[in-house]
């Protein structure tokens, strides 16, 4: 399989084919939706766009997503932060992950709902390492259920602005109807 030149340039080592889960480590070109779509693939990009749209819709004007380069080992990630980190999206080859840092209050809330969460999420939570700033939960998003888990965690971490979401939700439904005609 031959990757497009631009995608090869962002791979960890242009001499080898990327493996599922490899990160974008090339620093030469700034990332955009085209690069991310080409790297994570069209299905994962749908989830990527859905999550970004969900954050924009339920937290209007709160976050200015910021591309961070974590060096050759960590590669690029898209961080959502105001004063505290909200979440970080990590484009990986043919998938992407969301990193949610759970502080003390969030861990308490998670534990209160432990038996409501999907078993896969509870397992990830239990296996996540706890650092001084919280438990770092990394969730690979490959399905609508995974996406739902992440939005539920984020809503638990910071309650969404429902008033503006209901307005923009009706607006987005109208625009979807118009674009499907």
N, C-alpha and C. Protein backbone atom coordinates (compact mmCIF):
# COMPACT_ATOMS: atom_id res chain seq x y z
N UNK A 1 0.85 -1.17 0.00
CA UNK A 1 0.00 0.00 0.00
C UNK A 1 0.90 1.24 0.00
N UNK A 2 0.64 2.14 -0.92
CA UNK A 2 1.44 3.35 -1.02
C UNK A 2 0.64 4.51 -0.42
N UNK A 3 1.21 5.19 0.54
CA UNK A 3 0.55 6.34 1.15
C UNK A 3 0.80 7.57 0.31
N UNK A 4 -0.14 8.52 0.32
CA UNK A 4 0.10 9.78 -0.38
C UNK A 4 1.35 10.45 0.17
N UNK A 5 2.04 11.21 -0.68
CA UNK A 5 3.31 11.84 -0.29
C UNK A 5 3.15 12.66 0.98
N UNK A 6 2.11 13.45 1.06
CA UNK A 6 1.93 14.31 2.24
C UNK A 6 1.76 13.46 3.50
N UNK A 7 1.04 12.33 3.40
CA UNK A 7 0.85 11.46 4.55
C UNK A 7 2.17 10.78 4.92
N UNK A 8 2.95 10.35 3.93
CA UNK A 8 4.25 9.73 4.21
C UNK A 8 5.16 10.70 4.95
N UNK A 9 5.06 11.98 4.60
CA UNK A 9 5.93 12.99 5.22
C UNK A 9 5.64 13.16 6.71
N UNK A 10 4.44 12.83 7.15
CA UNK A 10 4.11 13.01 8.56
C UNK A 10 4.24 11.73 9.36
N UNK A 11 4.53 10.63 8.69
CA UNK A 11 4.69 9.35 9.39
C UNK A 11 5.95 9.36 10.25
N UNK A 12 5.97 8.45 11.20
CA UNK A 12 7.10 8.36 12.12
C UNK A 12 8.40 8.10 11.37
N UNK A 13 8.37 7.22 10.42
CA UNK A 13 9.56 6.87 9.64
C UNK A 13 9.09 6.61 8.22
N UNK A 14 9.42 7.51 7.31
CA UNK A 14 8.92 7.40 5.93
C UNK A 14 9.38 6.13 5.24
N UNK A 15 10.35 5.41 5.80
CA UNK A 15 10.84 4.19 5.20
C UNK A 15 9.98 2.97 5.51
N UNK A 16 9.09 3.07 6.49
CA UNK A 16 8.23 1.95 6.85
C UNK A 16 6.78 2.37 6.79
N UNK A 17 5.92 1.39 6.60
CA UNK A 17 4.49 1.68 6.61
C UNK A 17 4.03 1.89 8.05
N UNK A 18 3.12 2.83 8.27
CA UNK A 18 2.63 3.05 9.63
C UNK A 18 1.80 1.86 10.11
N UNK A 19 1.81 1.66 11.41
CA UNK A 19 1.02 0.62 12.06
C UNK A 19 -0.16 1.27 12.76
N UNK A 20 -1.26 0.52 12.92
CA UNK A 20 -2.43 1.05 13.62
C UNK A 20 -2.00 1.55 14.99
N UNK A 21 -2.39 2.77 15.30
CA UNK A 21 -2.05 3.38 16.57
C UNK A 21 -0.84 4.29 16.52
N UNK A 22 -0.05 4.25 15.41
CA UNK A 22 1.09 5.17 15.30
C UNK A 22 0.58 6.61 15.30
N UNK A 23 1.36 7.47 15.88
CA UNK A 23 1.00 8.88 15.95
C UNK A 23 1.66 9.68 14.84
N UNK A 24 1.15 10.86 14.60
CA UNK A 24 1.75 11.77 13.62
C UNK A 24 2.91 12.45 14.32
N UNK A 25 4.12 12.13 13.88
CA UNK A 25 5.29 12.66 14.57
C UNK A 25 6.10 13.64 13.74
N UNK A 26 5.81 13.76 12.45
CA UNK A 26 6.53 14.72 11.62
C UNK A 26 6.16 16.13 12.04
N UNK A 27 7.16 16.98 12.21
CA UNK A 27 6.90 18.33 12.70
C UNK A 27 6.86 19.36 11.58
N UNK A 28 7.19 18.98 10.35
CA UNK A 28 7.37 19.96 9.29
C UNK A 28 6.09 20.65 8.84
N UNK A 29 4.97 19.96 8.83
CA UNK A 29 3.75 20.57 8.31
C UNK A 29 2.72 20.73 9.42
N UNK A 30 2.06 21.89 9.49
CA UNK A 30 0.99 22.04 10.48
C UNK A 30 -0.18 21.12 10.11
N UNK A 31 -0.88 20.63 11.12
CA UNK A 31 -1.99 19.71 10.86
C UNK A 31 -3.25 20.46 10.47
N UNK A 32 -4.03 19.83 9.62
CA UNK A 32 -5.35 20.34 9.25
C UNK A 32 -6.26 19.14 9.09
N UNK A 33 -7.54 19.39 8.81
CA UNK A 33 -8.51 18.30 8.69
C UNK A 33 -8.13 17.30 7.61
N UNK A 34 -7.53 17.76 6.51
CA UNK A 34 -7.14 16.86 5.43
C UNK A 34 -6.07 15.87 5.88
N UNK A 35 -5.08 16.37 6.60
CA UNK A 35 -4.02 15.49 7.11
C UNK A 35 -4.60 14.51 8.13
N UNK A 36 -5.40 15.02 9.05
CA UNK A 36 -5.98 14.15 10.08
C UNK A 36 -6.85 13.08 9.44
N UNK A 37 -7.72 13.46 8.49
CA UNK A 37 -8.60 12.49 7.81
C UNK A 37 -7.77 11.42 7.10
N UNK A 38 -6.71 11.84 6.41
CA UNK A 38 -5.87 10.88 5.71
C UNK A 38 -5.16 9.92 6.65
N UNK A 39 -4.81 10.38 7.84
CA UNK A 39 -4.07 9.56 8.79
C UNK A 39 -4.99 8.61 9.56
N UNK A 40 -6.10 9.14 10.10
CA UNK A 40 -6.95 8.30 10.94
C UNK A 40 -7.97 7.51 10.12
N UNK A 41 -8.22 7.93 8.89
CA UNK A 41 -9.17 7.22 8.02
C UNK A 41 -10.56 7.83 8.10
N UNK A 42 -11.39 7.58 7.07
CA UNK A 42 -12.70 8.24 6.99
C UNK A 42 -13.67 7.87 8.12
N UNK A 43 -13.68 6.62 8.54
CA UNK A 43 -14.62 6.22 9.60
C UNK A 43 -14.23 6.86 10.93
N UNK A 44 -12.95 6.81 11.28
CA UNK A 44 -12.48 7.43 12.52
C UNK A 44 -12.66 8.95 12.44
N UNK A 45 -12.48 9.52 11.23
CA UNK A 45 -12.63 10.96 11.09
C UNK A 45 -14.08 11.40 11.35
N UNK A 46 -15.04 10.55 11.00
CA UNK A 46 -16.45 10.87 11.32
C UNK A 46 -16.61 11.04 12.83
N UNK A 47 -16.03 10.11 13.61
CA UNK A 47 -16.11 10.21 15.07
C UNK A 47 -15.34 11.43 15.57
N UNK A 48 -14.18 11.69 14.96
CA UNK A 48 -13.36 12.86 15.31
C UNK A 48 -14.19 14.14 15.13
N UNK A 49 -14.81 14.27 13.97
CA UNK A 49 -15.60 15.47 13.67
C UNK A 49 -16.82 15.55 14.59
N UNK A 50 -17.46 14.40 14.85
CA UNK A 50 -18.62 14.39 15.76
C UNK A 50 -18.25 14.89 17.14
N UNK A 51 -17.12 14.41 17.67
CA UNK A 51 -16.70 14.82 19.01
C UNK A 51 -16.35 16.30 19.03
N UNK A 52 -15.64 16.77 18.03
CA UNK A 52 -15.29 18.19 17.97
C UNK A 52 -16.55 19.04 17.86
N UNK A 53 -17.51 18.61 17.04
CA UNK A 53 -18.77 19.35 16.90
C UNK A 53 -19.55 19.33 18.21
N UNK A 54 -19.54 18.20 18.91
CA UNK A 54 -20.25 18.09 20.19
C UNK A 54 -19.65 19.09 21.18
N UNK A 55 -18.33 19.16 21.26
CA UNK A 55 -17.69 20.11 22.17
C UNK A 55 -18.06 21.54 21.80
N UNK A 56 -18.00 21.87 20.51
CA UNK A 56 -18.36 23.22 20.06
C UNK A 56 -19.81 23.55 20.38
N UNK A 57 -20.68 22.56 20.22
CA UNK A 57 -22.11 22.78 20.44
C UNK A 57 -22.46 22.95 21.92
N UNK A 58 -21.90 22.10 22.78
CA UNK A 58 -22.28 22.12 24.19
C UNK A 58 -21.41 23.03 25.06
N UNK A 59 -20.30 23.50 24.51
CA UNK A 59 -19.42 24.41 25.23
C UNK A 59 -19.04 25.57 24.31
N UNK A 60 -20.06 26.30 23.81
CA UNK A 60 -19.77 27.36 22.82
C UNK A 60 -18.87 28.45 23.40
N UNK A 61 -17.80 28.73 22.66
CA UNK A 61 -16.89 29.80 23.04
C UNK A 61 -16.03 29.53 24.27
N UNK A 62 -16.12 28.32 24.84
CA UNK A 62 -15.36 28.03 26.06
C UNK A 62 -13.92 27.66 25.74
N UNK A 63 -13.74 26.80 24.74
CA UNK A 63 -12.41 26.28 24.45
C UNK A 63 -11.92 26.74 23.08
N UNK A 64 -10.64 27.01 23.01
CA UNK A 64 -9.98 27.26 21.73
C UNK A 64 -9.02 26.09 21.55
N UNK A 65 -9.39 25.10 20.73
CA UNK A 65 -8.52 23.93 20.58
C UNK A 65 -7.13 24.34 20.11
N UNK A 66 -6.14 23.67 20.67
CA UNK A 66 -4.75 24.05 20.44
C UNK A 66 -3.93 22.82 20.05
N UNK A 67 -3.33 22.86 18.85
CA UNK A 67 -2.46 21.76 18.42
C UNK A 67 -1.16 21.83 19.19
N UNK A 68 -0.77 20.71 19.80
CA UNK A 68 0.48 20.62 20.55
C UNK A 68 1.37 19.56 19.92
N UNK A 69 2.65 19.86 19.85
CA UNK A 69 3.60 18.87 19.36
C UNK A 69 4.37 18.34 20.56
N UNK A 70 4.20 17.06 20.86
CA UNK A 70 4.82 16.45 22.03
C UNK A 70 6.14 15.77 21.75
N UNK A 71 6.76 16.09 20.63
CA UNK A 71 8.05 15.50 20.30
C UNK A 71 7.92 14.23 19.47
N UNK A 72 9.05 13.66 19.15
CA UNK A 72 9.10 12.50 18.26
C UNK A 72 8.35 11.28 18.81
N UNK A 73 8.30 11.12 20.13
CA UNK A 73 7.63 9.95 20.72
C UNK A 73 6.13 10.14 20.86
N UNK A 74 5.68 11.32 21.19
CA UNK A 74 4.25 11.55 21.42
C UNK A 74 3.51 12.12 20.22
N UNK A 75 4.21 12.84 19.37
CA UNK A 75 3.58 13.39 18.18
C UNK A 75 2.60 14.50 18.49
N UNK A 76 1.66 14.69 17.56
CA UNK A 76 0.68 15.78 17.63
C UNK A 76 -0.57 15.37 18.41
N UNK A 77 -1.16 16.36 19.09
CA UNK A 77 -2.45 16.17 19.76
C UNK A 77 -3.18 17.50 19.76
N UNK A 78 -4.49 17.41 19.88
CA UNK A 78 -5.34 18.60 19.88
C UNK A 78 -5.94 18.74 21.28
N UNK A 79 -5.51 19.79 21.99
CA UNK A 79 -5.92 19.96 23.39
C UNK A 79 -7.05 20.98 23.51
N UNK A 80 -8.02 20.61 24.33
CA UNK A 80 -9.10 21.52 24.71
C UNK A 80 -8.86 21.86 26.18
N UNK A 81 -8.67 23.16 26.44
CA UNK A 81 -8.35 23.59 27.79
C UNK A 81 -8.85 25.01 27.99
N UNK A 82 -9.35 25.28 29.19
CA UNK A 82 -9.62 26.66 29.58
C UNK A 82 -8.60 26.97 30.66
N UNK A 83 -8.95 26.78 31.92
CA UNK A 83 -7.94 26.90 32.97
C UNK A 83 -7.39 25.52 33.30
N UNK A 84 -8.26 24.52 33.25
CA UNK A 84 -7.84 23.13 33.45
C UNK A 84 -8.05 22.39 32.12
N UNK A 85 -7.31 21.32 31.94
CA UNK A 85 -7.48 20.51 30.73
C UNK A 85 -8.87 19.89 30.72
N UNK A 86 -9.52 19.97 29.58
CA UNK A 86 -10.84 19.36 29.40
C UNK A 86 -10.66 17.97 28.78
N UNK A 87 -10.00 17.95 27.63
CA UNK A 87 -9.66 16.68 26.99
C UNK A 87 -8.61 16.95 25.91
N UNK A 88 -7.98 15.89 25.47
CA UNK A 88 -7.00 15.98 24.39
C UNK A 88 -7.32 14.90 23.39
N UNK A 89 -7.38 15.26 22.11
CA UNK A 89 -7.63 14.29 21.04
C UNK A 89 -6.31 13.95 20.38
N UNK A 90 -6.08 12.67 20.21
CA UNK A 90 -4.80 12.21 19.66
C UNK A 90 -5.07 11.44 18.37
N UNK A 91 -4.70 12.03 17.21
CA UNK A 91 -4.87 11.30 15.95
C UNK A 91 -3.82 10.20 15.85
N UNK A 92 -4.28 8.98 15.65
CA UNK A 92 -3.41 7.81 15.51
C UNK A 92 -3.74 7.15 14.19
N UNK A 93 -2.80 6.42 13.65
CA UNK A 93 -3.03 5.80 12.35
C UNK A 93 -4.25 4.88 12.40
N UNK A 94 -5.26 5.22 11.59
CA UNK A 94 -6.52 4.49 11.41
C UNK A 94 -7.43 4.48 12.63
N UNK A 95 -7.17 5.40 13.59
CA UNK A 95 -8.05 5.57 14.75
C UNK A 95 -7.66 6.87 15.45
N UNK A 96 -8.39 7.19 16.50
CA UNK A 96 -7.94 8.28 17.35
C UNK A 96 -8.37 7.98 18.78
N UNK A 97 -7.71 8.64 19.71
CA UNK A 97 -8.01 8.46 21.13
C UNK A 97 -8.33 9.81 21.75
N UNK A 98 -9.11 9.74 22.81
CA UNK A 98 -9.38 10.93 23.61
C UNK A 98 -8.76 10.68 24.98
N UNK A 99 -8.04 11.67 25.48
CA UNK A 99 -7.46 11.59 26.82
C UNK A 99 -8.27 12.52 27.71
N UNK A 100 -8.80 11.94 28.79
CA UNK A 100 -9.57 12.71 29.76
C UNK A 100 -8.88 12.54 31.11
N UNK A 101 -8.47 13.65 31.71
CA UNK A 101 -7.83 13.60 33.03
C UNK A 101 -8.92 13.75 34.08
N UNK A 102 -9.00 12.75 34.94
CA UNK A 102 -10.03 12.73 35.98
C UNK A 102 -9.39 13.13 37.31
N UNK A 103 -9.74 14.35 37.77
CA UNK A 103 -9.26 14.82 39.07
C UNK A 103 -10.03 14.11 40.18
N UNK A 104 -9.78 14.51 41.41
CA UNK A 104 -10.42 13.87 42.57
C UNK A 104 -11.94 13.91 42.50
N UNK A 105 -12.51 15.06 42.17
CA UNK A 105 -13.97 15.20 42.11
C UNK A 105 -14.55 14.31 41.02
N UNK A 106 -13.88 14.26 39.87
CA UNK A 106 -14.37 13.43 38.76
C UNK A 106 -14.27 11.95 39.09
N UNK A 107 -13.21 11.57 39.80
CA UNK A 107 -13.06 10.16 40.18
C UNK A 107 -14.17 9.75 41.14
N UNK A 108 -14.52 10.66 42.06
CA UNK A 108 -15.63 10.38 42.98
C UNK A 108 -16.93 10.17 42.22
N UNK A 109 -17.20 11.06 41.26
CA UNK A 109 -18.42 10.95 40.46
C UNK A 109 -18.41 9.66 39.64
N UNK A 110 -17.24 9.31 39.09
CA UNK A 110 -17.13 8.08 38.32
C UNK A 110 -17.45 6.88 39.20
N UNK A 111 -16.88 6.85 40.40
CA UNK A 111 -17.11 5.73 41.32
C UNK A 111 -18.58 5.62 41.72
N UNK A 112 -19.25 6.76 41.91
CA UNK A 112 -20.67 6.73 42.25
C UNK A 112 -21.50 6.06 41.15
N UNK A 113 -21.05 6.20 39.92
CA UNK A 113 -21.77 5.64 38.76
C UNK A 113 -21.08 4.40 38.19
N UNK A 114 -20.16 3.83 38.92
CA UNK A 114 -19.33 2.72 38.43
C UNK A 114 -20.13 1.63 37.72
N UNK A 115 -21.29 1.29 38.24
CA UNK A 115 -22.05 0.17 37.67
C UNK A 115 -22.98 0.59 36.54
N UNK A 116 -22.95 1.87 36.20
CA UNK A 116 -23.73 2.37 35.07
C UNK A 116 -22.87 2.40 33.80
N UNK A 117 -21.57 2.61 33.99
CA UNK A 117 -20.66 2.69 32.85
C UNK A 117 -20.51 1.34 32.16
N UNK A 118 -20.13 1.37 30.90
CA UNK A 118 -19.86 0.12 30.18
C UNK A 118 -18.64 -0.56 30.79
N UNK A 119 -18.64 -1.91 30.83
CA UNK A 119 -17.51 -2.64 31.43
C UNK A 119 -16.16 -2.27 30.81
N UNK A 120 -16.12 -2.03 29.51
CA UNK A 120 -14.86 -1.68 28.86
C UNK A 120 -14.30 -0.37 29.42
N UNK A 121 -15.17 0.61 29.66
CA UNK A 121 -14.72 1.89 30.22
C UNK A 121 -14.25 1.72 31.66
N UNK A 122 -14.96 0.92 32.45
CA UNK A 122 -14.56 0.68 33.84
C UNK A 122 -13.19 0.01 33.87
N UNK A 123 -12.96 -0.93 32.96
CA UNK A 123 -11.66 -1.61 32.89
C UNK A 123 -10.55 -0.60 32.55
N UNK A 124 -10.80 0.27 31.55
CA UNK A 124 -9.82 1.31 31.21
C UNK A 124 -9.55 2.21 32.41
N UNK A 125 -10.61 2.58 33.10
CA UNK A 125 -10.49 3.44 34.28
C UNK A 125 -9.65 2.76 35.36
N UNK A 126 -9.96 1.50 35.64
CA UNK A 126 -9.23 0.77 36.68
C UNK A 126 -7.76 0.58 36.34
N UNK A 127 -7.44 0.46 35.06
CA UNK A 127 -6.06 0.24 34.62
C UNK A 127 -5.28 1.53 34.40
N UNK A 128 -5.98 2.67 34.38
CA UNK A 128 -5.31 3.95 34.14
C UNK A 128 -4.43 4.33 35.33
N UNK A 129 -3.28 4.88 35.03
CA UNK A 129 -2.35 5.31 36.07
C UNK A 129 -2.82 6.64 36.66
N UNK A 130 -2.71 6.74 37.97
CA UNK A 130 -3.07 7.98 38.65
C UNK A 130 -1.80 8.78 38.93
N UNK A 131 -1.81 10.03 38.46
CA UNK A 131 -0.69 10.94 38.68
C UNK A 131 -1.13 11.99 39.69
N UNK A 132 -0.25 12.91 40.01
CA UNK A 132 -0.57 13.94 40.99
C UNK A 132 -1.75 14.81 40.55
N UNK A 133 -1.90 15.01 39.23
CA UNK A 133 -2.98 15.87 38.74
C UNK A 133 -4.25 15.08 38.39
N UNK A 134 -4.23 13.77 38.56
CA UNK A 134 -5.43 12.98 38.31
C UNK A 134 -5.14 11.68 37.60
N UNK A 135 -6.21 10.98 37.30
CA UNK A 135 -6.11 9.71 36.58
C UNK A 135 -6.28 9.99 35.09
N UNK A 136 -5.30 9.60 34.31
CA UNK A 136 -5.30 9.87 32.88
C UNK A 136 -5.94 8.70 32.15
N UNK A 137 -7.13 8.94 31.64
CA UNK A 137 -7.91 7.92 30.94
C UNK A 137 -7.76 8.13 29.44
N UNK A 138 -7.20 7.15 28.74
CA UNK A 138 -7.04 7.23 27.29
C UNK A 138 -8.01 6.25 26.65
N UNK A 139 -8.95 6.78 25.87
CA UNK A 139 -10.01 5.97 25.29
C UNK A 139 -9.90 6.00 23.76
N UNK A 140 -9.60 4.85 23.18
CA UNK A 140 -9.59 4.73 21.71
C UNK A 140 -11.04 4.76 21.25
N UNK A 141 -11.33 5.62 20.30
CA UNK A 141 -12.72 5.77 19.84
C UNK A 141 -12.87 5.10 18.48
N UNK A 142 -13.58 3.98 18.51
CA UNK A 142 -13.79 3.24 17.25
C UNK A 142 -15.26 2.93 17.01
N UNK A 143 -16.14 3.43 17.88
CA UNK A 143 -17.58 3.17 17.71
C UNK A 143 -18.38 4.31 18.32
N UNK A 144 -19.67 4.30 18.01
CA UNK A 144 -20.57 5.30 18.59
C UNK A 144 -20.64 5.13 20.11
N UNK A 145 -20.53 3.89 20.60
CA UNK A 145 -20.54 3.65 22.05
C UNK A 145 -19.32 4.29 22.73
N UNK A 146 -18.16 4.16 22.10
CA UNK A 146 -16.95 4.78 22.64
C UNK A 146 -17.11 6.30 22.68
N UNK A 147 -17.66 6.84 21.61
CA UNK A 147 -17.88 8.29 21.52
C UNK A 147 -18.84 8.73 22.62
N UNK A 148 -19.89 7.96 22.83
CA UNK A 148 -20.87 8.26 23.88
C UNK A 148 -20.20 8.24 25.26
N UNK A 149 -19.34 7.24 25.51
CA UNK A 149 -18.63 7.18 26.80
C UNK A 149 -17.83 8.46 27.03
N UNK A 150 -17.14 8.91 25.99
CA UNK A 150 -16.31 10.11 26.14
C UNK A 150 -17.17 11.34 26.40
N UNK A 151 -18.27 11.49 25.66
CA UNK A 151 -19.11 12.68 25.89
C UNK A 151 -19.74 12.63 27.29
N UNK A 152 -20.07 11.43 27.78
CA UNK A 152 -20.61 11.31 29.14
C UNK A 152 -19.55 11.68 30.18
N UNK A 153 -18.33 11.23 29.97
CA UNK A 153 -17.24 11.60 30.89
C UNK A 153 -17.01 13.11 30.89
N UNK A 154 -17.01 13.70 29.69
CA UNK A 154 -16.78 15.13 29.59
C UNK A 154 -17.91 15.93 30.23
N UNK A 155 -19.15 15.46 30.03
CA UNK A 155 -20.30 16.14 30.63
C UNK A 155 -20.25 16.01 32.15
N UNK A 156 -19.75 14.88 32.65
CA UNK A 156 -19.60 14.68 34.09
C UNK A 156 -18.51 15.61 34.62
N UNK A 157 -17.45 15.77 33.85
CA UNK A 157 -16.32 16.61 34.25
C UNK A 157 -16.71 18.09 34.29
N UNK A 158 -17.44 18.51 33.27
CA UNK A 158 -17.88 19.91 33.20
C UNK A 158 -19.27 19.91 32.57
N UNK A 159 -20.30 20.23 33.35
CA UNK A 159 -21.66 20.21 32.79
C UNK A 159 -21.77 21.12 31.56
N UNK A 160 -22.40 20.60 30.51
CA UNK A 160 -22.52 21.38 29.27
C UNK A 160 -23.52 22.52 29.38
N UNK A 161 -23.39 23.47 28.47
CA UNK A 161 -24.32 24.59 28.37
C UNK A 161 -25.50 24.13 27.52
N UNK A 162 -26.52 23.60 28.18
CA UNK A 162 -27.68 23.01 27.49
C UNK A 162 -28.47 24.06 26.73
N UNK A 163 -28.56 25.29 27.25
CA UNK A 163 -29.39 26.32 26.60
C UNK A 163 -28.90 26.63 25.18
N UNK A 164 -27.62 26.80 25.00
CA UNK A 164 -27.13 27.11 23.66
C UNK A 164 -27.10 25.86 22.79
N UNK A 165 -26.94 24.69 23.42
CA UNK A 165 -26.90 23.44 22.65
C UNK A 165 -28.24 23.15 22.01
N UNK A 166 -29.34 23.40 22.72
CA UNK A 166 -30.65 23.10 22.14
C UNK A 166 -30.94 24.03 20.96
N UNK A 167 -30.48 25.28 21.05
CA UNK A 167 -30.66 26.20 19.93
C UNK A 167 -29.82 25.76 18.73
N UNK A 168 -28.54 25.47 18.97
CA UNK A 168 -27.69 25.09 17.84
C UNK A 168 -28.05 23.70 17.33
N UNK A 169 -28.61 22.85 18.19
CA UNK A 169 -29.02 21.53 17.75
C UNK A 169 -30.15 21.64 16.73
N UNK A 170 -31.13 22.52 16.97
CA UNK A 170 -32.20 22.69 15.99
C UNK A 170 -31.66 23.33 14.72
N UNK A 171 -30.68 24.23 14.87
CA UNK A 171 -30.07 24.84 13.71
C UNK A 171 -29.31 23.81 12.89
N UNK A 172 -28.55 22.94 13.56
CA UNK A 172 -27.78 21.93 12.82
C UNK A 172 -28.70 20.92 12.16
N UNK A 173 -29.85 20.60 12.78
CA UNK A 173 -30.81 19.69 12.14
C UNK A 173 -31.34 20.33 10.87
N UNK A 174 -31.63 21.63 10.92
CA UNK A 174 -32.14 22.33 9.74
C UNK A 174 -31.11 22.34 8.63
N UNK A 175 -29.85 22.60 9.00
CA UNK A 175 -28.83 22.65 7.96
C UNK A 175 -28.55 21.26 7.40
N UNK A 176 -28.67 20.20 8.22
CA UNK A 176 -28.50 18.84 7.70
C UNK A 176 -29.60 18.51 6.70
N UNK A 177 -30.86 18.92 7.04
CA UNK A 177 -31.98 18.69 6.12
C UNK A 177 -31.73 19.42 4.80
N UNK A 178 -31.27 20.67 4.91
CA UNK A 178 -31.04 21.47 3.70
C UNK A 178 -29.92 20.87 2.86
N UNK A 179 -28.87 20.38 3.52
CA UNK A 179 -27.75 19.83 2.75
C UNK A 179 -28.07 18.46 2.15
N UNK A 180 -29.06 17.76 2.68
CA UNK A 180 -29.39 16.44 2.14
C UNK A 180 -30.36 16.54 0.96
N UNK A 181 -30.85 17.74 0.69
CA UNK A 181 -31.80 17.90 -0.43
C UNK A 181 -31.09 17.90 -1.76
